[in-house]
């Protein structure tokens, strides 16, 4: 006889704000909206969380790339 597991898993779907480790979200939003205003025909009024996450990822990859290409001698990252 096969016994079925009848317990269900409840997934919390309430939106939560992500805390960014490397970027300041408010300054990133401000810069993006100012740049868009100066360089785009249509004015943008909001910045999505996905946009900020991609900025966080891009900065992390940039830092890792700079460290990997830096010579291993010395004490200062340039």
Protein backbone atom coordinates (compact mmCIF):
# COMPACT_ATOMS: atom_id res chain seq x y z
CA UNK A 1 0.00 0.00 0.00
CA UNK A 2 1.35 3.47 -0.97
CA UNK A 3 0.79 6.22 1.54
CA UNK A 4 0.31 9.72 0.17
CA UNK A 5 1.73 12.75 1.86
CA UNK A 6 -1.19 15.13 2.35
CA UNK A 7 0.70 18.04 3.91
CA UNK A 8 0.86 21.09 1.71
CA UNK A 9 3.55 23.71 1.59
CA UNK A 10 2.44 27.30 1.89
CA UNK A 11 4.53 29.77 -0.06
CA UNK A 12 4.64 33.32 1.20
CA UNK A 13 3.93 35.51 -1.80
CA UNK A 14 3.99 38.88 -0.07
CA UNK A 15 6.39 41.27 -1.78
CA UNK A 16 9.48 42.11 0.23
CA UNK A 17 11.97 44.84 -0.47
CA UNK A 18 15.43 43.58 -1.27
CA UNK A 19 18.34 45.01 0.67
CA UNK A 20 21.21 45.69 -1.68
CA UNK A 21 24.75 45.04 -0.48
CA UNK A 22 26.77 47.12 -2.94
CA UNK A 23 24.55 49.83 -4.40
CA UNK A 24 22.54 52.59 -2.80
CA UNK A 25 19.12 52.00 -4.35
CA UNK A 26 17.89 55.58 -3.95
CA UNK A 27 21.00 57.08 -5.57
CA UNK A 28 20.91 54.49 -8.36
CA UNK A 29 17.24 55.30 -9.06
CA UNK A 30 17.93 59.03 -9.02
CA UNK A 31 20.86 58.71 -11.45
CA UNK A 32 18.93 56.40 -13.79
CA UNK A 33 15.91 58.72 -13.95
CA UNK A 34 18.07 61.83 -14.47
CA UNK A 35 20.07 60.11 -17.21
CA UNK A 36 16.90 58.87 -18.90
CA UNK A 37 15.37 62.35 -18.74
CA UNK A 38 18.41 63.88 -20.46
CA UNK A 39 18.88 61.14 -23.07
CA UNK A 40 15.44 59.74 -23.93
CA UNK A 41 12.47 61.26 -25.74
CA UNK A 42 9.93 59.76 -23.33
CA UNK A 43 10.27 60.54 -19.64
CA UNK A 44 10.49 57.62 -17.23
CA UNK A 45 9.06 57.99 -13.73
CA UNK A 46 9.89 54.70 -12.02
CA UNK A 47 12.75 52.21 -11.68
CA UNK A 48 11.94 48.51 -11.25
CA UNK A 49 13.47 46.17 -8.71
CA UNK A 50 14.78 44.03 -11.60
CA UNK A 51 16.71 47.07 -12.88
CA UNK A 52 18.33 47.56 -9.47
CA UNK A 53 19.15 43.86 -9.17
CA UNK A 54 20.86 43.96 -12.58
CA UNK A 55 22.87 47.00 -11.43
CA UNK A 56 23.91 45.12 -8.28
CA UNK A 57 24.98 42.08 -10.34
CA UNK A 58 26.86 44.20 -12.89
CA UNK A 59 28.79 46.01 -10.13
CA UNK A 60 29.67 42.73 -8.43
CA UNK A 61 30.96 41.28 -11.73
CA UNK A 62 32.94 44.45 -12.46
CA UNK A 63 34.66 44.29 -9.06
CA UNK A 64 35.44 40.57 -9.45
CA UNK A 65 36.84 41.13 -12.95
CA UNK A 66 39.07 43.99 -11.80
CA UNK A 67 40.44 41.90 -8.92
CA UNK A 68 41.13 38.91 -11.19
CA UNK A 69 43.07 41.01 -13.73
CA UNK A 70 45.10 42.80 -11.03
CA UNK A 71 48.62 41.54 -10.39
CA UNK A 72 48.97 39.70 -7.12
CA UNK A 73 51.81 41.86 -5.86
CA UNK A 74 51.29 44.97 -3.79
CA UNK A 75 48.64 45.90 -1.25
CA UNK A 76 46.44 48.41 -3.11
CA UNK A 77 43.79 47.55 -5.66
CA UNK A 78 43.91 50.06 -8.50
